[in-house]
């Protein structure tokens, strides 16, 4: 049995591998992972997690094909189920994108007994992420077709109650970016798509049961079925595990009256962007439609500045707010559910409904239609994921053009709003801080910087609706090694990246007077 000191040492060693990987020191990370497995060879936990860290580092260096030989040992190790699913998904998604269906089936068949074993146990809610499980099952259903193993099949769509309010969406015309070295796939799709008015609806679900499962929220109807809110249909193995885990919960909280659900599949991600343009609008719309509710239900306490600032704009909202709790079965008499969730999530703000964007803007600016103070040019860097590798060079260039660098992490939300209200030009890597573009003056030049594989087009959309002069740069000068992270994860857009300062100089000369 490991001593406390030994346990601390191996966990520190694994954390070191992760740190080196995040800093893109991949060869050093691989060496550190191998050293950890050799040093703690008698400790199965240490070996399992060191091999998991080695898988990540190897995937970043050579892609999932290079990491794939490690997968069988990872599946047989003592690391948690979520990590096993994550590794499997990295390999399977890459194989599927390369049309290697037979190999996809081989990997999934090797995973199946581990899934069945997991289902026989009572899972811990921190031991899975619904997004990864759903994505993996979708690939399985496409790869196997009619022969899909039952564990990967989705349960039928369970409705979420009766529609009690519905309205049309105001889809505004989009304008192409002013300047762009190239477009991301999402930019191209949005400019070419014929967006349809899907409308905005609220549903009333009677006798609803709500569970907090790790980083996810589950809603069960009065017939003991997991509803499609907020994730969409779940794979059968996941539904079995969740319902089994629920039976062990001893505490129960009954909530009478009518409760408004703000949460969605991003429930536990305390993200400024999703809160302001997806969650907060649900509250604004419920009030706009005149819906009665006794409580507002959220996934976490209103501990962050931007949460309290925004929800405080709605009368009595803070007093009505109720936070869901882990390890408790919540029973709601009536739960009001918005439809902009799960497979129907149209980020941002119901396919950027122009009227909703204007309402959010008005609420954040306290109804002020213009800014009369001194204007300023601002650059917002990122310090962790998705940071600019040659940031010092970029900042030197921007400083010569009278830009000041702002660390939004150190500012209150109110101060962030003030800074963007006063902005005469904005430059920033893609990230949640750009949500503050909602309060910029009309005509403000904006340059959004993307890694090679792009990201959400939310800020392009918002800029177009609010008549900001939006431009974008997508990294096209990084070495081939920077491509590996995307191959290692289907959702990866957090790699550090390079910015071509010649493009920025061109933008400055044409857009910033």
Protein backbone atom coordinates (compact mmCIF):
# COMPACT_ATOMS: atom_id res chain seq x y z
CA UNK A 1 0.00 0.00 0.00
CA UNK A 2 1.35 3.46 -0.92
CA UNK A 3 2.35 5.86 1.81
CA UNK A 4 1.00 9.41 1.78
CA UNK A 5 4.35 10.72 0.60
CA UNK A 6 4.47 8.22 -2.27
CA UNK A 7 0.90 9.14 -3.26
CA UNK A 8 1.75 12.82 -3.28
CA UNK A 9 4.89 12.16 -5.31
CA UNK A 10 3.16 10.21 -8.08
CA UNK A 11 0.29 12.67 -8.34
CA UNK A 12 2.80 15.52 -8.54
CA UNK A 13 4.68 13.62 -11.24
CA UNK A 14 1.51 13.14 -13.29
CA UNK A 15 0.58 16.80 -12.81
CA UNK A 16 4.04 17.75 -14.08
CA UNK A 17 3.36 15.79 -17.28
CA UNK A 18 0.09 17.66 -17.73
CA UNK A 19 1.78 20.99 -17.12
CA UNK A 20 4.52 20.27 -19.68
CA UNK A 21 1.87 19.16 -22.19
CA UNK A 22 -0.18 22.34 -21.73
CA UNK A 23 3.01 24.36 -22.31
CA UNK A 24 3.57 22.39 -25.54
CA UNK A 25 6.84 20.93 -24.23
CA UNK A 26 5.75 17.61 -25.65
CA UNK A 27 9.02 15.65 -25.71
CA UNK A 28 9.73 16.58 -22.09
CA UNK A 29 6.17 15.55 -21.16
CA UNK A 30 6.60 12.13 -22.81
CA UNK A 31 9.90 11.58 -21.00
CA UNK A 32 8.33 12.62 -17.68
CA UNK A 33 5.37 10.25 -18.18
CA UNK A 34 7.64 7.29 -18.95
CA UNK A 35 9.80 8.11 -15.92
CA UNK A 36 6.70 8.24 -13.70
CA UNK A 37 5.54 4.79 -14.90
CA UNK A 38 9.02 3.35 -14.31
CA UNK A 39 9.43 4.94 -10.89
CA UNK A 40 6.01 3.92 -9.58
CA UNK A 41 5.69 0.61 -11.45
CA UNK A 42 4.28 -1.10 -8.33
CA UNK A 43 1.44 1.42 -7.98
CA UNK A 44 -1.39 0.67 -10.47
CA UNK A 45 -3.04 4.07 -9.92
CA UNK A 46 0.22 5.87 -10.70
CA UNK A 47 0.85 3.77 -13.80
CA UNK A 48 -2.72 4.23 -15.05
CA UNK A 49 -2.78 8.00 -14.75
CA UNK A 50 0.80 8.37 -16.04
CA UNK A 51 -0.18 6.33 -19.10
CA UNK A 52 -3.26 8.56 -19.54
CA UNK A 53 -0.98 11.63 -19.44
CA UNK A 54 1.37 9.91 -21.90
CA UNK A 55 -1.59 9.28 -24.23
CA UNK A 56 -2.41 13.01 -24.25
CA UNK A 57 1.17 14.08 -24.87
CA UNK A 58 1.72 11.45 -27.57
CA UNK A 59 -1.53 12.47 -29.25
CA UNK A 60 -0.41 16.08 -29.34
CA UNK A 61 2.89 15.10 -30.92
CA UNK A 62 1.79 12.55 -33.49
CA UNK A 63 -2.02 12.52 -33.43
CA UNK A 64 -4.37 9.78 -32.20
CA UNK A 65 -2.77 7.12 -34.42
CA UNK A 66 0.44 7.54 -32.44
CA UNK A 67 -1.43 7.37 -29.12
CA UNK A 68 -3.74 4.52 -30.11
CA UNK A 69 -1.38 1.64 -29.06
CA UNK A 70 -1.70 2.92 -25.47
CA UNK A 71 -5.50 2.56 -25.47
CA UNK A 72 -5.86 -1.16 -24.52
CA UNK A 73 -3.73 -0.68 -21.39
CA UNK A 74 -5.66 2.49 -20.52
CA UNK A 75 -9.00 0.68 -20.80
CA UNK A 76 -7.73 -2.06 -18.48
CA UNK A 77 -6.29 0.39 -15.94
CA UNK A 78 -7.83 1.82 -12.78
CA UNK A 79 -8.33 5.35 -14.09
CA UNK A 80 -11.91 6.58 -14.10
CA UNK A 81 -14.51 5.85 -16.75
CA UNK A 82 -14.62 9.46 -17.97
CA UNK A 83 -10.90 9.37 -18.83
CA UNK A 84 -11.31 6.03 -20.65
CA UNK A 85 -14.21 7.43 -22.70
CA UNK A 86 -12.18 10.57 -23.46
CA UNK A 87 -9.22 8.58 -24.80
CA UNK A 88 -11.50 6.29 -26.82
CA UNK A 89 -13.33 9.29 -28.27
CA UNK A 90 -10.07 10.95 -29.34
CA UNK A 91 -9.08 7.85 -31.31
CA UNK A 92 -12.52 7.01 -32.68
CA UNK A 93 -13.40 10.52 -33.85
CA UNK A 94 -10.12 10.81 -35.74
CA UNK A 95 -10.61 7.42 -37.41
CA UNK A 96 -14.18 8.34 -38.34
CA UNK A 97 -13.10 11.66 -39.87
CA UNK A 98 -10.62 9.68 -42.01
CA UNK A 99 -13.36 7.23 -43.14
CA UNK A 100 -11.71 4.26 -41.39
CA UNK A 101 -15.02 2.70 -40.31
CA UNK A 102 -13.73 -0.84 -39.76
CA UNK A 103 -11.06 0.41 -37.34
CA UNK A 104 -13.71 2.49 -35.58
CA UNK A 105 -15.76 -0.65 -35.04
CA UNK A 106 -12.68 -2.51 -33.71
CA UNK A 107 -12.00 0.19 -31.10
CA UNK A 108 -15.64 0.36 -30.05
CA UNK A 109 -15.83 -3.44 -29.70
CA UNK A 110 -12.80 -3.32 -27.38
CA UNK A 111 -14.54 -0.60 -25.36
CA UNK A 112 -17.89 -2.41 -25.08
CA UNK A 113 -16.98 -4.85 -22.24
CA UNK A 114 -15.66 -1.93 -20.18
CA UNK A 115 -18.97 -0.11 -20.70
CA UNK A 116 -20.93 -3.19 -19.66
CA UNK A 117 -18.72 -3.57 -16.59
CA UNK A 118 -19.31 0.09 -15.70
CA UNK A 119 -23.08 -0.38 -16.01
CA UNK A 120 -23.00 -3.30 -13.56
CA UNK A 121 -21.56 -1.02 -10.89
CA UNK A 122 -23.22 1.99 -9.29
CA UNK A 123 -21.41 4.84 -11.08
CA UNK A 124 -20.20 7.97 -9.40
CA UNK A 125 -21.57 11.16 -11.02
CA UNK A 126 -18.05 12.52 -11.53
CA UNK A 127 -17.19 9.39 -13.54
CA UNK A 128 -18.69 10.44 -16.87
CA UNK A 129 -19.38 13.45 -19.05
CA UNK A 130 -22.60 13.31 -21.03
CA UNK A 131 -21.21 15.23 -24.02
CA UNK A 132 -18.39 12.70 -24.60
CA UNK A 133 -20.70 9.71 -24.13
CA UNK A 134 -23.27 11.09 -26.58
CA UNK A 135 -20.63 11.93 -29.18
CA UNK A 136 -19.10 8.47 -28.92
CA UNK A 137 -22.52 6.81 -29.27
CA UNK A 138 -23.36 8.87 -32.35
CA UNK A 139 -20.19 7.67 -34.06
CA UNK A 140 -20.99 4.08 -33.01
CA UNK A 141 -24.48 4.30 -34.52
CA UNK A 142 -23.06 5.55 -37.82
CA UNK A 143 -20.26 3.00 -37.88
CA UNK A 144 -22.37 -0.07 -37.00
CA UNK A 145 -25.67 0.97 -38.58
CA UNK A 146 -28.35 -1.66 -37.94
CA UNK A 147 -25.80 -3.80 -36.07
CA UNK A 148 -25.12 -1.15 -33.40
CA UNK A 149 -24.63 -2.81 -29.98
CA UNK A 150 -27.57 -1.99 -27.72
CA UNK A 151 -25.42 -0.09 -25.20
CA UNK A 152 -24.59 2.53 -27.85
CA UNK A 153 -28.18 3.03 -29.01
CA UNK A 154 -29.97 6.19 -27.89
CA UNK A 155 -33.11 6.02 -25.82
CA UNK A 156 -36.19 7.46 -27.52
CA UNK A 157 -36.82 11.20 -27.38
CA UNK A 158 -38.85 11.93 -24.27
CA UNK A 159 -40.91 15.14 -24.62
CA UNK A 160 -40.48 17.92 -22.10
CA UNK A 161 -44.06 18.94 -21.46
CA UNK A 162 -46.62 21.33 -22.91
CA UNK A 163 -45.74 24.48 -24.88
CA UNK A 164 -46.91 27.51 -22.91
CA UNK A 165 -45.23 30.32 -24.88
CA UNK A 166 -43.86 30.69 -28.41
CA UNK A 167 -42.53 33.57 -30.49
CA UNK A 168 -40.71 34.07 -33.79
CA UNK A 169 -37.00 34.81 -34.06
CA UNK A 170 -35.75 38.01 -35.68
CA UNK A 171 -32.93 36.80 -37.95
CA UNK A 172 -30.80 39.74 -39.03
CA UNK A 173 -28.85 39.77 -42.32
CA UNK A 174 -25.14 39.04 -41.95
CA UNK A 175 -22.27 41.04 -43.40
CA UNK A 176 -18.94 39.44 -44.30
CA UNK A 177 -15.92 40.40 -42.15
CA UNK A 178 -14.25 43.65 -43.26
CA UNK A 179 -10.84 41.94 -43.39
CA UNK A 180 -9.96 38.25 -43.05
CA UNK A 181 -6.86 36.30 -44.05
CA UNK A 182 -9.20 33.28 -44.31
CA UNK A 183 -12.49 32.12 -42.84
CA UNK A 184 -13.10 29.35 -40.35
CA UNK A 185 -15.53 26.64 -41.43
CA UNK A 186 -18.18 28.18 -39.19
CA UNK A 187 -17.73 31.63 -40.76
CA UNK A 188 -18.27 30.13 -44.21
CA UNK A 189 -21.28 28.12 -43.08
CA UNK A 190 -22.93 31.12 -41.47
CA UNK A 191 -22.42 33.39 -44.48
CA UNK A 192 -23.79 30.75 -46.87
CA UNK A 193 -26.58 29.30 -44.73
CA UNK A 194 -30.22 30.14 -45.21
CA UNK A 195 -31.07 30.38 -41.52
CA UNK A 196 -34.61 29.41 -40.65
CA UNK A 197 -36.82 30.93 -37.98
CA UNK A 198 -37.13 28.03 -35.54
CA UNK A 199 -38.96 30.19 -33.02
CA UNK A 200 -38.56 30.40 -29.25
CA UNK A 201 -40.65 28.22 -26.95
CA UNK A 202 -41.10 27.53 -23.25
CA UNK A 203 -42.49 24.22 -21.97
CA UNK A 204 -44.15 23.32 -18.65
CA UNK A 205 -43.10 19.93 -17.22
CA UNK A 206 -45.18 18.68 -14.28
CA UNK A 207 -43.73 16.54 -11.49
CA UNK A 208 -40.15 16.84 -12.71
CA UNK A 209 -37.17 15.26 -10.95
CA UNK A 210 -33.78 17.00 -11.37
CA UNK A 211 -30.37 15.56 -10.49
CA UNK A 212 -26.89 17.06 -10.47
CA UNK A 213 -24.59 14.45 -12.01
CA UNK A 214 -21.04 15.73 -11.69
CA UNK A 215 -20.76 18.46 -14.32
CA UNK A 216 -24.19 17.71 -15.84
CA UNK A 217 -27.88 18.14 -15.03
CA UNK A 218 -30.47 15.41 -15.61
CA UNK A 219 -34.26 15.96 -15.81
CA UNK A 220 -36.62 12.99 -15.32
CA UNK A 221 -40.36 13.10 -16.03
CA UNK A 222 -43.23 11.66 -13.97
CA UNK A 223 -42.99 8.36 -15.89
CA UNK A 224 -39.39 7.88 -14.69
CA UNK A 225 -37.89 8.66 -18.12
CA UNK A 226 -34.86 10.90 -18.68
CA UNK A 227 -36.07 13.74 -20.89
CA UNK A 228 -34.24 15.21 -23.87
CA UNK A 229 -33.80 18.41 -21.81
CA UNK A 230 -31.12 19.62 -21.54
CA UNK A 231 -28.84 17.22 -23.49
CA UNK A 232 -30.94 15.46 -26.09
CA UNK A 233 -31.43 11.65 -26.08
CA UNK A 234 -28.81 9.74 -24.08
CA UNK A 235 -27.12 6.43 -24.98
CA UNK A 236 -28.72 3.48 -23.22
CA UNK A 237 -25.66 2.62 -21.15
CA UNK A 238 -25.59 6.13 -19.71
CA UNK A 239 -29.30 6.15 -18.88
CA UNK A 240 -28.95 2.82 -17.07
CA UNK A 241 -26.02 4.08 -15.05
CA UNK A 242 -27.71 7.35 -14.08
CA UNK A 243 -31.00 5.75 -12.99
CA UNK A 244 -29.04 3.18 -11.00
CA UNK A 245 -27.05 5.91 -9.25
CA UNK A 246 -30.22 7.86 -8.44
CA UNK A 247 -31.53 4.96 -6.37
CA UNK A 248 -28.70 5.53 -3.88
CA UNK A 249 -29.63 9.16 -3.20
CA UNK A 250 -31.20 9.51 0.23
CA UNK A 251 -31.92 13.24 0.42
CA UNK A 252 -34.95 14.75 -1.33
CA UNK A 253 -36.00 18.35 -1.79
CA UNK A 254 -39.55 19.21 -2.91
CA UNK A 255 -40.01 22.58 -4.61
CA UNK A 256 -43.65 23.71 -4.83
CA UNK A 257 -45.07 26.16 -7.35
CA UNK A 258 -43.56 27.11 -10.69
CA UNK A 259 -39.78 27.14 -11.27
CA UNK A 260 -37.90 28.56 -14.28
CA UNK A 261 -34.91 26.48 -15.46
CA UNK A 262 -31.94 28.55 -16.66
CA UNK A 263 -29.46 25.68 -17.01
CA UNK A 264 -28.51 23.73 -20.14
CA UNK A 265 -25.85 21.20 -21.24
CA UNK A 266 -23.16 23.71 -20.24
CA UNK A 267 -24.65 23.70 -16.73
CA UNK A 268 -21.50 23.65 -14.62
CA UNK A 269 -19.27 25.71 -16.90
CA UNK A 270 -19.17 29.11 -15.28
CA UNK A 271 -18.56 30.79 -18.60
CA UNK A 272 -19.25 34.48 -19.11
CA UNK A 273 -20.28 34.05 -22.74
CA UNK A 274 -22.79 31.22 -22.22
CA UNK A 275 -24.24 32.95 -19.18
CA UNK A 276 -24.76 36.32 -20.89
CA UNK A 277 -25.94 35.20 -24.35
CA UNK A 278 -27.67 31.86 -23.60
CA UNK A 279 -28.80 31.76 -19.95
CA UNK A 280 -29.57 35.39 -19.15
CA UNK A 281 -31.81 35.79 -22.26
CA UNK A 282 -34.06 32.98 -20.98
CA UNK A 283 -34.83 35.13 -17.97
CA UNK A 284 -35.39 38.23 -20.11
CA UNK A 285 -37.70 36.29 -22.43
CA UNK A 286 -39.73 34.72 -19.62
CA UNK A 287 -40.42 38.22 -18.31
CA UNK A 288 -41.14 39.53 -21.81
CA UNK A 289 -43.75 36.77 -22.32
CA UNK A 290 -45.30 37.49 -18.92
CA UNK A 291 -44.60 33.97 -17.59
CA UNK A 292 -45.25 33.54 -13.87
CA UNK A 293 -42.56 31.76 -11.87
CA UNK A 294 -41.88 31.50 -8.15
CA UNK A 295 -38.23 30.48 -8.43
CA UNK A 296 -35.30 30.61 -10.84
CA UNK A 297 -33.27 27.40 -10.93
CA UNK A 298 -29.54 27.49 -11.65
CA UNK A 299 -26.75 24.92 -11.65
CA UNK A 300 -24.41 26.73 -9.28
CA UNK A 301 -24.49 29.53 -6.67
CA UNK A 302 -24.36 33.08 -7.99
CA UNK A 303 -20.80 33.51 -6.78
CA UNK A 304 -19.29 35.23 -9.79
CA UNK A 305 -19.46 38.93 -10.44
CA UNK A 306 -21.00 38.73 -13.92
CA UNK A 307 -23.77 36.40 -12.72
CA UNK A 308 -24.94 38.70 -9.95
CA UNK A 309 -24.54 41.81 -12.11
CA UNK A 310 -26.73 40.50 -14.93
CA UNK A 311 -29.41 38.72 -12.94
CA UNK A 312 -29.63 41.80 -10.73
CA UNK A 313 -31.00 43.67 -13.76
CA UNK A 314 -34.26 41.71 -13.41
CA UNK A 315 -36.48 42.77 -10.47
CA UNK A 316 -36.59 40.19 -7.62
CA UNK A 317 -34.54 37.68 -9.61
CA UNK A 318 -31.79 37.42 -6.98
CA UNK A 319 -34.34 36.71 -4.25
CA UNK A 320 -35.99 33.97 -6.35
CA UNK A 321 -32.77 32.18 -7.31
CA UNK A 322 -32.37 28.56 -6.12
CA UNK A 323 -29.20 26.56 -6.72
CA UNK A 324 -29.35 22.83 -7.45
CA UNK A 325 -27.38 20.69 -4.99
CA UNK A 326 -25.35 17.51 -5.59
CA UNK A 327 -26.39 14.23 -3.93
CA UNK A 328 -30.03 15.42 -3.66
CA UNK A 329 -33.13 14.42 -5.61
CA UNK A 330 -34.97 17.64 -6.48
CA UNK A 331 -38.69 17.31 -7.16
CA UNK A 332 -40.40 20.24 -8.89
CA UNK A 333 -44.17 20.70 -9.00
CA UNK A 334 -43.83 22.56 -12.33
CA UNK A 335 -40.61 23.25 -14.21
CA UNK A 336 -40.58 25.84 -17.03
CA UNK A 337 -38.10 24.73 -19.68
CA UNK A 338 -36.73 26.84 -22.58
CA UNK A 339 -36.15 25.02 -25.87
CA UNK A 340 -32.77 26.56 -26.69
CA UNK A 341 -30.83 23.65 -25.20
CA UNK A 342 -29.34 20.26 -26.12
CA UNK A 343 -29.46 19.47 -29.83
CA UNK A 344 -31.53 22.64 -30.32
CA UNK A 345 -28.97 24.98 -28.75
CA UNK A 346 -28.54 27.87 -31.19
CA UNK A 347 -25.56 29.70 -29.73
CA UNK A 348 -25.57 32.59 -29.26
CA UNK A 349 -29.04 33.76 -28.23
CA UNK A 350 -31.39 31.69 -30.41
CA UNK A 351 -29.36 32.01 -33.63
CA UNK A 352 -28.46 35.52 -32.55
CA UNK A 353 -32.04 36.81 -32.49
CA UNK A 354 -31.48 40.52 -33.13
CA UNK A 355 -34.20 41.61 -30.70
CA UNK A 356 -32.68 39.49 -27.89
CA UNK A 357 -29.18 40.84 -28.60
CA UNK A 358 -30.55 44.38 -28.38
CA UNK A 359 -32.32 43.55 -25.09
CA UNK A 360 -29.13 42.14 -23.58
CA UNK A 361 -27.21 45.20 -24.76
CA UNK A 362 -29.78 47.56 -23.26
CA UNK A 363 -29.76 45.71 -19.93
CA UNK A 364 -25.95 45.73 -19.72
CA UNK A 365 -25.72 49.41 -20.64
CA UNK A 366 -28.55 50.39 -18.27
CA UNK A 367 -30.55 51.66 -21.21
CA UNK A 368 -27.88 54.15 -22.33
CA UNK A 369 -27.86 54.45 -26.11
CA UNK A 370 -24.45 56.10 -26.55
CA UNK A 371 -21.15 56.69 -24.78
CA UNK A 372 -20.02 60.28 -24.22
CA UNK A 373 -16.67 59.74 -22.45
CA UNK A 374 -13.07 59.43 -23.64
CA UNK A 375 -12.50 56.56 -26.10
CA UNK A 376 -9.61 54.05 -25.83
CA UNK A 377 -8.04 51.31 -27.97
CA UNK A 378 -7.85 48.01 -26.08
CA UNK A 379 -6.13 44.63 -26.43
CA UNK A 380 -7.29 41.69 -24.29
CA UNK A 381 -4.69 38.87 -24.09
CA UNK A 382 -5.25 35.30 -22.91
CA UNK A 383 -2.87 33.83 -20.34
CA UNK A 384 -3.81 30.13 -20.34
CA UNK A 385 -5.44 28.19 -23.16
CA UNK A 386 -5.65 29.63 -26.66
CA UNK A 387 -2.96 32.22 -25.96
CA UNK A 388 -0.88 34.01 -28.60
CA UNK A 389 2.63 32.55 -28.66
CA UNK A 390 4.19 35.74 -30.02
CA UNK A 391 2.13 37.91 -27.71
CA UNK A 392 5.06 40.19 -26.78
CA UNK A 393 5.62 41.03 -30.47
CA UNK A 394 1.90 41.65 -30.96
CA UNK A 395 1.67 43.87 -27.88
CA UNK A 396 4.69 45.92 -29.01
CA UNK A 397 2.99 46.55 -32.35
CA UNK A 398 -0.33 47.49 -30.76
CA UNK A 399 1.36 49.73 -28.19
CA UNK A 400 2.93 51.74 -31.02
CA UNK A 401 -0.63 52.36 -32.22
CA UNK A 402 -1.76 53.57 -28.78
CA UNK A 403 -3.47 50.37 -27.66
CA UNK A 404 -3.53 49.56 -23.97
CA UNK A 405 -3.53 45.98 -22.67
CA UNK A 406 -6.41 45.05 -20.37
CA UNK A 407 -6.55 41.95 -18.18
CA UNK A 408 -10.28 41.31 -17.94
CA UNK A 409 -9.68 38.56 -15.34
CA UNK A 410 -8.63 41.24 -12.88
CA UNK A 411 -11.59 43.55 -13.61
CA UNK A 412 -15.08 43.49 -12.19
CA UNK A 413 -17.80 42.86 -14.76
CA UNK A 414 -18.95 46.44 -14.38
CA UNK A 415 -15.41 47.68 -15.15
CA UNK A 416 -15.25 45.36 -18.18
CA UNK A 417 -18.47 46.90 -19.50
CA UNK A 418 -17.09 50.40 -18.94
CA UNK A 419 -13.89 49.48 -20.83
CA UNK A 420 -15.78 48.11 -23.85
CA UNK A 421 -18.28 50.98 -23.85
CA UNK A 422 -15.30 53.31 -24.17
CA UNK A 423 -13.44 51.18 -26.74
CA UNK A 424 -12.62 52.85 -30.05
CA UNK A 425 -10.98 49.58 -31.28
CA UNK A 426 -10.76 46.04 -29.89
CA UNK A 427 -8.21 43.26 -30.52
CA UNK A 428 -8.42 39.89 -28.73
CA UNK A 429 -7.96 36.15 -29.18
CA UNK A 430 -11.24 34.24 -29.42
CA UNK A 431 -12.64 33.87 -25.90
CA UNK A 432 -15.39 34.77 -23.47
CA UNK A 433 -14.05 38.30 -22.83
CA UNK A 434 -15.33 39.26 -26.29
CA UNK A 435 -18.88 38.85 -24.96
CA UNK A 436 -18.41 42.47 -23.88
CA UNK A 437 -18.65 43.49 -27.56
CA UNK A 438 -22.37 43.64 -26.75
CA UNK A 439 -21.85 47.12 -25.28
CA UNK A 440 -19.45 48.58 -27.88
CA UNK A 441 -20.41 51.68 -29.83
CA UNK A 442 -21.72 51.14 -33.34
CA UNK A 443 -18.89 51.20 -35.92
CA UNK A 444 -16.16 50.07 -33.48
CA UNK A 445 -13.38 48.15 -35.33
CA UNK A 446 -12.90 44.62 -33.93
CA UNK A 447 -10.15 42.11 -34.74
CA UNK A 448 -10.76 38.57 -33.43
CA UNK A 449 -7.76 36.20 -33.46
CA UNK A 450 -8.32 32.46 -33.94
CA UNK A 451 -6.10 29.37 -33.62
CA UNK A 452 -5.78 27.17 -36.71
CA UNK A 453 -9.04 25.36 -36.11
CA UNK A 454 -11.20 28.36 -35.37
CA UNK A 455 -13.91 28.46 -32.74
CA UNK A 456 -17.42 29.72 -32.17
CA UNK A 457 -18.64 32.44 -34.54
CA UNK A 458 -20.71 34.04 -31.75
CA UNK A 459 -18.75 37.29 -31.75
CA UNK A 460 -18.85 37.64 -35.53
CA UNK A 461 -22.61 37.22 -35.34
CA UNK A 462 -23.01 39.74 -32.50
CA UNK A 463 -20.74 42.24 -34.27
CA UNK A 464 -22.76 41.96 -37.47
CA UNK A 465 -26.06 42.64 -35.68
CA UNK A 466 -24.66 45.59 -33.72
CA UNK A 467 -22.94 47.12 -36.78
CA UNK A 468 -19.39 46.71 -35.47
CA UNK A 469 -16.59 46.68 -38.05
CA UNK A 470 -15.59 43.04 -37.53
CA UNK A 471 -12.41 41.47 -38.94
CA UNK A 472 -10.78 38.15 -38.14
CA UNK A 473 -7.42 36.44 -38.37
CA UNK A 474 -7.07 32.63 -38.41
CA UNK A 475 -3.56 31.31 -37.65
CA UNK A 476 -1.95 30.29 -40.94
CA UNK A 477 1.74 30.45 -39.99
CA UNK A 478 2.11 27.89 -37.17
CA UNK A 479 4.31 24.88 -37.79
CA UNK A 480 2.63 21.54 -38.63
CA UNK A 481 3.10 20.37 -35.03
CA UNK A 482 0.36 22.74 -33.94
CA UNK A 483 -2.14 20.70 -35.97
CA UNK A 484 -1.88 17.67 -33.71
CA UNK A 485 -4.13 18.96 -30.90
CA UNK A 486 -7.16 19.10 -33.19
CA UNK A 487 -6.56 15.53 -34.29
CA UNK A 488 -6.38 14.53 -30.64
CA UNK A 489 -9.81 15.89 -29.77
CA UNK A 490 -12.86 16.64 -31.91
CA UNK A 491 -13.70 19.70 -29.84
CA UNK A 492 -10.18 21.08 -29.47
CA UNK A 493 -9.71 24.76 -30.24
CA UNK A 494 -7.59 25.71 -27.24
CA UNK A 495 -4.09 25.31 -28.68
CA UNK A 496 -1.66 28.22 -28.40
CA UNK A 497 -1.16 29.87 -31.77
CA UNK A 498 0.84 32.42 -33.74
CA UNK A 499 -0.37 35.71 -35.15
CA UNK A 500 1.03 37.18 -38.36
CA UNK A 501 1.78 40.75 -37.30
CA UNK A 502 1.89 41.87 -40.96
CA UNK A 503 -1.83 41.11 -41.18
CA UNK A 504 -2.40 43.07 -37.96
CA UNK A 505 -0.42 46.01 -39.40
CA UNK A 506 -2.64 45.94 -42.47
CA UNK A 507 -5.76 45.93 -40.28
CA UNK A 508 -4.41 48.83 -38.22
CA UNK A 509 -3.65 50.90 -41.31
CA UNK A 510 -7.07 50.26 -42.90
CA UNK A 511 -9.39 50.16 -39.91
CA UNK A 512 -7.88 52.11 -37.00
CA UNK A 513 -7.53 55.81 -37.68
